[in-house]
N, C-alpha and C. Protein backbone atom coordinates (compact mmCIF):
# COMPACT_ATOMS: atom_id res chain seq x y z
N UNK A 1 -124.20 103.86 101.94
CA UNK A 1 -123.22 103.71 103.01
C UNK A 1 -122.84 102.24 103.14
N UNK A 2 -121.56 101.94 103.15
CA UNK A 2 -121.12 100.56 103.34
C UNK A 2 -120.68 100.37 104.79
N UNK A 3 -120.29 99.15 105.11
CA UNK A 3 -119.95 98.84 106.49
C UNK A 3 -118.65 99.48 106.96
N UNK A 4 -117.85 100.03 106.03
CA UNK A 4 -116.58 100.64 106.39
C UNK A 4 -116.63 102.16 106.43
N UNK A 5 -117.79 102.75 106.12
CA UNK A 5 -117.93 104.21 106.18
C UNK A 5 -117.90 104.65 107.64
N UNK A 6 -116.99 105.53 107.95
CA UNK A 6 -116.81 106.00 109.34
C UNK A 6 -117.69 107.22 109.57
N UNK A 7 -118.87 106.95 110.13
CA UNK A 7 -119.87 108.01 110.27
C UNK A 7 -120.34 108.23 111.71
N UNK A 8 -120.08 107.31 112.61
CA UNK A 8 -120.63 107.42 113.96
C UNK A 8 -119.66 108.11 114.91
N UNK A 9 -120.17 109.08 115.66
CA UNK A 9 -119.37 109.69 116.73
C UNK A 9 -119.29 108.67 117.87
N UNK A 10 -118.41 108.92 118.80
CA UNK A 10 -118.14 107.94 119.85
C UNK A 10 -119.37 107.61 120.68
N UNK A 11 -120.22 108.61 120.98
CA UNK A 11 -121.39 108.35 121.80
C UNK A 11 -122.38 107.43 121.07
N UNK A 12 -122.55 107.64 119.78
CA UNK A 12 -123.47 106.80 119.00
C UNK A 12 -122.92 105.38 118.87
N UNK A 13 -121.61 105.27 118.58
CA UNK A 13 -121.00 103.95 118.46
C UNK A 13 -121.08 103.19 119.78
N UNK A 14 -120.86 103.90 120.89
CA UNK A 14 -120.94 103.26 122.21
C UNK A 14 -122.36 102.77 122.47
N UNK A 15 -123.35 103.57 122.12
CA UNK A 15 -124.74 103.16 122.32
C UNK A 15 -125.07 101.95 121.45
N UNK A 16 -124.64 101.96 120.19
CA UNK A 16 -124.91 100.83 119.30
C UNK A 16 -124.23 99.55 119.78
N UNK A 17 -123.06 99.69 120.39
CA UNK A 17 -122.32 98.53 120.88
C UNK A 17 -122.72 98.13 122.30
N UNK A 18 -123.52 98.96 122.96
CA UNK A 18 -123.93 98.66 124.33
C UNK A 18 -122.81 98.86 125.33
N UNK A 19 -121.97 99.87 125.10
CA UNK A 19 -120.81 100.14 125.95
C UNK A 19 -120.80 101.61 126.36
N UNK A 20 -119.92 101.92 127.29
CA UNK A 20 -119.70 103.30 127.70
C UNK A 20 -118.64 103.91 126.77
N UNK A 21 -118.77 105.19 126.42
CA UNK A 21 -117.77 105.81 125.55
C UNK A 21 -116.33 105.69 126.06
N UNK A 22 -116.16 105.69 127.37
CA UNK A 22 -114.81 105.56 127.93
C UNK A 22 -114.21 104.19 127.58
N UNK A 23 -115.05 103.18 127.51
CA UNK A 23 -114.58 101.84 127.13
C UNK A 23 -114.05 101.88 125.70
N UNK A 24 -114.73 102.59 124.81
CA UNK A 24 -114.27 102.71 123.42
C UNK A 24 -112.93 103.42 123.36
N UNK A 25 -112.75 104.44 124.19
CA UNK A 25 -111.46 105.15 124.23
C UNK A 25 -110.35 104.21 124.69
N UNK A 26 -110.65 103.36 125.69
CA UNK A 26 -109.66 102.41 126.18
C UNK A 26 -109.31 101.40 125.09
N UNK A 27 -110.31 100.89 124.40
CA UNK A 27 -110.06 99.92 123.32
C UNK A 27 -109.25 100.55 122.19
N UNK A 28 -109.48 101.84 121.95
CA UNK A 28 -108.68 102.55 120.94
C UNK A 28 -107.22 102.62 121.39
N UNK A 29 -107.00 102.97 122.66
CA UNK A 29 -105.63 103.04 123.19
C UNK A 29 -104.93 101.69 123.11
N UNK A 30 -105.69 100.61 123.37
CA UNK A 30 -105.12 99.26 123.34
C UNK A 30 -104.97 98.71 121.91
N UNK A 31 -105.57 99.39 120.95
CA UNK A 31 -105.48 98.94 119.56
C UNK A 31 -106.47 97.87 119.19
N UNK A 32 -107.49 97.65 120.02
CA UNK A 32 -108.49 96.64 119.72
C UNK A 32 -109.41 97.11 118.58
N UNK A 33 -109.80 98.36 118.63
CA UNK A 33 -110.61 98.98 117.58
C UNK A 33 -109.96 100.32 117.28
N UNK A 34 -109.67 100.57 116.02
CA UNK A 34 -109.02 101.82 115.63
C UNK A 34 -109.96 102.63 114.75
N UNK A 35 -110.70 103.56 115.36
CA UNK A 35 -111.63 104.37 114.57
C UNK A 35 -110.88 105.38 113.70
N UNK A 36 -111.60 105.90 112.71
CA UNK A 36 -111.03 106.97 111.90
C UNK A 36 -111.01 108.26 112.70
N UNK A 37 -110.33 109.24 112.18
CA UNK A 37 -110.26 110.55 112.86
C UNK A 37 -110.66 111.65 111.88
N UNK A 38 -111.36 112.63 112.39
CA UNK A 38 -111.69 113.81 111.59
C UNK A 38 -110.49 114.75 111.64
N UNK A 39 -110.48 115.80 110.81
CA UNK A 39 -109.38 116.77 110.90
C UNK A 39 -109.24 117.38 112.30
N UNK A 40 -110.34 117.44 113.05
CA UNK A 40 -110.30 117.94 114.43
C UNK A 40 -109.90 116.88 115.43
N UNK A 41 -109.54 115.69 114.97
CA UNK A 41 -109.06 114.56 115.80
C UNK A 41 -110.15 113.83 116.58
N UNK A 42 -111.43 114.08 116.30
CA UNK A 42 -112.46 113.31 116.99
C UNK A 42 -112.63 111.97 116.29
N UNK A 43 -113.03 110.99 117.06
CA UNK A 43 -113.16 109.62 116.55
C UNK A 43 -114.42 109.46 115.71
N UNK A 44 -114.33 108.64 114.66
CA UNK A 44 -115.49 108.27 113.84
C UNK A 44 -115.44 106.76 113.64
N UNK A 45 -116.55 106.12 113.96
CA UNK A 45 -116.66 104.67 113.90
C UNK A 45 -117.53 104.23 112.73
N UNK A 46 -117.24 103.06 112.20
CA UNK A 46 -118.03 102.47 111.12
C UNK A 46 -118.90 101.35 111.69
N UNK A 47 -119.80 100.82 110.88
CA UNK A 47 -120.60 99.67 111.31
C UNK A 47 -119.69 98.47 111.56
N UNK A 48 -118.61 98.34 110.80
CA UNK A 48 -117.65 97.26 111.02
C UNK A 48 -117.00 97.41 112.40
N UNK A 49 -116.67 98.66 112.77
CA UNK A 49 -116.11 98.91 114.10
C UNK A 49 -117.10 98.54 115.19
N UNK A 50 -118.37 98.90 114.99
CA UNK A 50 -119.42 98.58 115.97
C UNK A 50 -119.56 97.06 116.11
N UNK A 51 -119.53 96.35 114.99
CA UNK A 51 -119.61 94.88 115.03
C UNK A 51 -118.41 94.31 115.79
N UNK A 52 -117.24 94.89 115.58
CA UNK A 52 -116.04 94.43 116.29
C UNK A 52 -116.17 94.70 117.78
N UNK A 53 -116.74 95.85 118.14
CA UNK A 53 -116.96 96.16 119.56
C UNK A 53 -117.91 95.16 120.20
N UNK A 54 -118.95 94.78 119.47
CA UNK A 54 -119.88 93.77 119.99
C UNK A 54 -119.18 92.42 120.17
N UNK A 55 -118.32 92.08 119.21
CA UNK A 55 -117.57 90.83 119.33
C UNK A 55 -116.65 90.87 120.55
N UNK A 56 -116.01 91.99 120.78
CA UNK A 56 -115.16 92.16 121.96
C UNK A 56 -115.98 91.97 123.23
N UNK A 57 -117.17 92.55 123.26
CA UNK A 57 -118.03 92.41 124.44
C UNK A 57 -118.41 90.95 124.67
N UNK A 58 -118.73 90.23 123.59
CA UNK A 58 -119.09 88.81 123.73
C UNK A 58 -117.92 87.99 124.24
N UNK A 59 -116.74 88.23 123.69
CA UNK A 59 -115.56 87.49 124.15
C UNK A 59 -115.24 87.82 125.61
N UNK A 60 -115.37 89.09 125.97
CA UNK A 60 -115.14 89.48 127.36
C UNK A 60 -116.14 88.83 128.30
N UNK A 61 -117.40 88.72 127.88
CA UNK A 61 -118.42 88.08 128.70
C UNK A 61 -118.14 86.58 128.88
N UNK A 62 -117.42 86.01 127.91
CA UNK A 62 -117.06 84.59 128.01
C UNK A 62 -115.79 84.38 128.84
N UNK A 63 -115.21 85.48 129.34
CA UNK A 63 -114.06 85.36 130.23
C UNK A 63 -112.71 85.51 129.54
N UNK A 64 -112.69 85.91 128.29
CA UNK A 64 -111.42 86.09 127.58
C UNK A 64 -110.82 87.43 127.99
N UNK A 65 -109.52 87.43 128.29
CA UNK A 65 -108.84 88.66 128.69
C UNK A 65 -108.70 89.61 127.50
N UNK A 66 -108.39 90.87 127.77
CA UNK A 66 -108.22 91.84 126.69
C UNK A 66 -107.06 91.45 125.77
N UNK A 67 -106.00 90.91 126.33
CA UNK A 67 -104.88 90.45 125.50
C UNK A 67 -105.31 89.27 124.63
N UNK A 68 -106.11 88.37 125.19
CA UNK A 68 -106.64 87.25 124.42
C UNK A 68 -107.56 87.73 123.30
N UNK A 69 -108.38 88.71 123.62
CA UNK A 69 -109.27 89.29 122.61
C UNK A 69 -108.46 89.93 121.49
N UNK A 70 -107.41 90.68 121.85
CA UNK A 70 -106.56 91.31 120.84
C UNK A 70 -105.96 90.26 119.92
N UNK A 71 -105.50 89.17 120.50
CA UNK A 71 -104.89 88.09 119.70
C UNK A 71 -105.93 87.42 118.79
N UNK A 72 -107.12 87.17 119.31
CA UNK A 72 -108.19 86.57 118.51
C UNK A 72 -108.54 87.46 117.33
N UNK A 73 -108.70 88.76 117.59
CA UNK A 73 -109.03 89.69 116.51
C UNK A 73 -107.91 89.76 115.47
N UNK A 74 -106.68 89.74 115.94
CA UNK A 74 -105.53 89.76 115.04
C UNK A 74 -105.52 88.52 114.14
N UNK A 75 -105.78 87.37 114.73
CA UNK A 75 -105.81 86.12 113.96
C UNK A 75 -106.99 86.09 112.98
N UNK A 76 -108.14 86.62 113.39
CA UNK A 76 -109.29 86.67 112.49
C UNK A 76 -109.00 87.57 111.29
N UNK A 77 -108.33 88.71 111.54
CA UNK A 77 -107.95 89.60 110.44
C UNK A 77 -106.97 88.90 109.50
N UNK A 78 -106.06 88.16 110.08
CA UNK A 78 -105.07 87.43 109.25
C UNK A 78 -105.77 86.35 108.41
N UNK A 79 -106.72 85.65 108.99
CA UNK A 79 -107.47 84.63 108.25
C UNK A 79 -108.22 85.28 107.09
N UNK A 80 -108.88 86.43 107.35
CA UNK A 80 -109.59 87.13 106.28
C UNK A 80 -108.63 87.51 105.15
N UNK A 81 -107.45 87.99 105.51
CA UNK A 81 -106.45 88.35 104.50
C UNK A 81 -105.99 87.15 103.70
N UNK A 82 -105.77 86.03 104.38
CA UNK A 82 -105.35 84.81 103.70
C UNK A 82 -106.45 84.26 102.80
N UNK A 83 -107.69 84.34 103.26
CA UNK A 83 -108.81 83.88 102.43
C UNK A 83 -108.92 84.73 101.16
N UNK A 84 -108.71 86.03 101.30
CA UNK A 84 -108.75 86.93 100.14
C UNK A 84 -107.63 86.58 99.17
N UNK A 85 -106.44 86.35 99.70
CA UNK A 85 -105.30 85.98 98.85
C UNK A 85 -105.55 84.65 98.16
N UNK A 86 -106.16 83.70 98.87
CA UNK A 86 -106.48 82.40 98.28
C UNK A 86 -107.44 82.56 97.11
N UNK A 87 -108.47 83.40 97.28
CA UNK A 87 -109.40 83.65 96.17
C UNK A 87 -108.68 84.25 94.97
N UNK A 88 -107.75 85.17 95.22
CA UNK A 88 -106.97 85.76 94.13
C UNK A 88 -106.16 84.69 93.40
N UNK A 89 -105.49 83.84 94.16
CA UNK A 89 -104.67 82.79 93.56
C UNK A 89 -105.51 81.77 92.80
N UNK A 90 -106.67 81.41 93.35
CA UNK A 90 -107.55 80.48 92.65
C UNK A 90 -108.02 81.07 91.33
N UNK A 91 -108.34 82.35 91.34
CA UNK A 91 -108.77 83.02 90.11
C UNK A 91 -107.64 83.05 89.09
N UNK A 92 -106.42 83.38 89.55
CA UNK A 92 -105.27 83.41 88.65
C UNK A 92 -104.98 82.03 88.08
N UNK A 93 -105.11 81.00 88.91
CA UNK A 93 -104.89 79.63 88.44
C UNK A 93 -105.94 79.23 87.42
N UNK A 94 -107.18 79.56 87.67
CA UNK A 94 -108.24 79.24 86.72
C UNK A 94 -108.00 79.94 85.39
N UNK A 95 -107.59 81.22 85.44
CA UNK A 95 -107.29 81.96 84.21
C UNK A 95 -106.14 81.30 83.46
N UNK A 96 -105.12 80.88 84.20
CA UNK A 96 -103.96 80.23 83.58
C UNK A 96 -104.34 78.90 82.93
N UNK A 97 -105.13 78.12 83.62
CA UNK A 97 -105.54 76.82 83.06
C UNK A 97 -106.40 77.00 81.82
N UNK A 98 -107.24 78.01 81.80
CA UNK A 98 -108.09 78.24 80.65
C UNK A 98 -107.32 78.76 79.45
N UNK A 99 -106.19 79.43 79.69
CA UNK A 99 -105.43 80.00 78.58
C UNK A 99 -104.44 79.01 77.97
N UNK A 100 -104.22 77.87 78.58
CA UNK A 100 -103.29 76.87 78.05
C UNK A 100 -103.91 76.11 76.90
N UNK A 101 -103.10 75.81 75.88
CA UNK A 101 -103.62 74.97 74.80
C UNK A 101 -103.86 73.55 75.33
N UNK A 102 -104.85 72.90 74.76
CA UNK A 102 -105.17 71.54 75.21
C UNK A 102 -105.91 71.51 76.53
N UNK A 103 -106.48 72.62 76.88
CA UNK A 103 -107.19 72.66 78.16
C UNK A 103 -108.38 71.70 78.14
N UNK A 104 -108.84 71.38 79.27
CA UNK A 104 -109.94 70.43 79.38
C UNK A 104 -111.28 71.14 79.27
N UNK A 105 -112.21 70.45 78.66
CA UNK A 105 -113.58 70.91 78.54
C UNK A 105 -114.45 69.85 79.18
N UNK A 106 -115.52 70.25 79.79
CA UNK A 106 -116.40 69.31 80.45
C UNK A 106 -117.76 69.31 79.77
N UNK A 107 -118.38 68.14 79.72
CA UNK A 107 -119.72 68.00 79.15
C UNK A 107 -120.52 67.10 80.06
N UNK A 108 -121.82 67.11 79.89
CA UNK A 108 -122.70 66.26 80.68
C UNK A 108 -123.00 65.00 79.88
N UNK A 109 -122.84 63.86 80.52
CA UNK A 109 -123.17 62.59 79.89
C UNK A 109 -124.66 62.35 79.93
N UNK A 110 -125.10 61.29 79.29
CA UNK A 110 -126.53 60.99 79.20
C UNK A 110 -127.15 60.70 80.57
N UNK A 111 -126.34 60.22 81.49
CA UNK A 111 -126.84 59.91 82.83
C UNK A 111 -126.67 61.10 83.78
N UNK A 112 -126.21 62.25 83.24
CA UNK A 112 -126.03 63.43 84.08
C UNK A 112 -124.66 63.51 84.70
N UNK A 113 -123.77 62.59 84.36
CA UNK A 113 -122.42 62.61 84.91
C UNK A 113 -121.56 63.61 84.15
N UNK A 114 -120.46 64.03 84.75
CA UNK A 114 -119.55 65.00 84.13
C UNK A 114 -118.46 64.23 83.40
N UNK A 115 -118.24 64.60 82.15
CA UNK A 115 -117.25 63.93 81.31
C UNK A 115 -116.19 64.96 80.94
N UNK A 116 -114.92 64.64 81.17
CA UNK A 116 -113.81 65.51 80.81
C UNK A 116 -113.42 65.22 79.36
N UNK A 117 -113.24 66.28 78.59
CA UNK A 117 -112.91 66.12 77.17
C UNK A 117 -111.77 67.07 76.82
N UNK A 118 -111.04 66.75 75.77
CA UNK A 118 -110.02 67.68 75.28
C UNK A 118 -110.70 68.74 74.45
N UNK A 119 -110.10 69.93 74.42
CA UNK A 119 -110.65 71.02 73.62
C UNK A 119 -110.69 70.62 72.16
N UNK A 120 -111.75 70.98 71.48
CA UNK A 120 -111.88 70.68 70.06
C UNK A 120 -112.55 69.36 69.75
N UNK A 121 -112.86 68.57 70.75
CA UNK A 121 -113.55 67.30 70.52
C UNK A 121 -115.03 67.47 70.80
N UNK A 122 -115.83 66.57 70.23
CA UNK A 122 -117.28 66.64 70.41
C UNK A 122 -117.78 65.38 71.09
N UNK A 123 -118.90 65.52 71.72
CA UNK A 123 -119.56 64.36 72.33
C UNK A 123 -120.19 63.53 71.23
N UNK A 124 -120.15 62.23 71.37
CA UNK A 124 -120.87 61.36 70.43
C UNK A 124 -122.30 61.28 70.89
N UNK A 125 -123.18 61.48 69.95
CA UNK A 125 -124.60 61.40 70.29
C UNK A 125 -125.06 59.96 70.12
N UNK A 126 -125.89 59.59 71.02
CA UNK A 126 -126.43 58.24 70.95
C UNK A 126 -127.51 58.19 69.87
N UNK A 127 -127.49 57.15 69.08
CA UNK A 127 -128.50 57.00 68.03
C UNK A 127 -129.53 55.94 68.40
N UNK A 128 -129.59 55.60 69.67
CA UNK A 128 -130.54 54.60 70.12
C UNK A 128 -131.92 55.24 70.27
N UNK A 129 -132.93 54.44 69.99
CA UNK A 129 -134.31 54.91 70.10
C UNK A 129 -135.00 54.08 71.17
N UNK A 130 -135.76 54.73 72.00
CA UNK A 130 -136.54 54.04 73.01
C UNK A 130 -137.99 54.06 72.56
N UNK A 131 -138.56 52.87 72.43
CA UNK A 131 -139.95 52.77 71.99
C UNK A 131 -140.78 52.41 73.21
N UNK A 132 -141.91 53.07 73.33
CA UNK A 132 -142.78 52.81 74.47
C UNK A 132 -144.17 52.53 73.94
N UNK A 133 -144.74 51.51 74.48
CA UNK A 133 -146.10 51.15 74.09
C UNK A 133 -146.84 50.78 75.36
N UNK A 134 -148.05 51.31 75.51
CA UNK A 134 -148.81 50.98 76.73
C UNK A 134 -149.18 49.50 76.75
N UNK A 135 -149.26 48.94 77.94
CA UNK A 135 -149.65 47.54 78.11
C UNK A 135 -151.14 47.39 77.84
N UNK A 136 -151.51 46.26 77.25
CA UNK A 136 -152.95 45.94 77.06
C UNK A 136 -153.51 45.51 78.40
N UNK A 137 -154.56 46.14 78.81
CA UNK A 137 -155.21 45.76 80.07
C UNK A 137 -156.61 45.28 79.74
N UNK A 138 -156.67 44.26 79.17
CA UNK A 138 -157.96 43.82 78.70
C UNK A 138 -158.48 42.64 79.29
């Protein structure tokens, strides 16, 4: 079961959220939380819905009006959507950059630094030797 599976009846969701079932019906009417419906039209809530109900309760306890809560939830949903779109675009950009000829390759330098290189080139290996000899303590 994932967080979006709509499995809880209204009484169970209300108990999990610490609310009265009538409050959940009011929030449904206001569009704050929109549960799924069975073919018989009864409400079914998911864990995500329960988490949203808890968030509504916290905001209400802090003095935010129901209209303010609706707006906050709307903006949070929009931010989630934009973040998802940003991840898609970043992935598409990375794919595009990797498919271009002459793309950049990165290697680690001897000091652990990152060195940018053109594709098809190799790092020069150092041919220096470090000799170590213990000190005479005599």
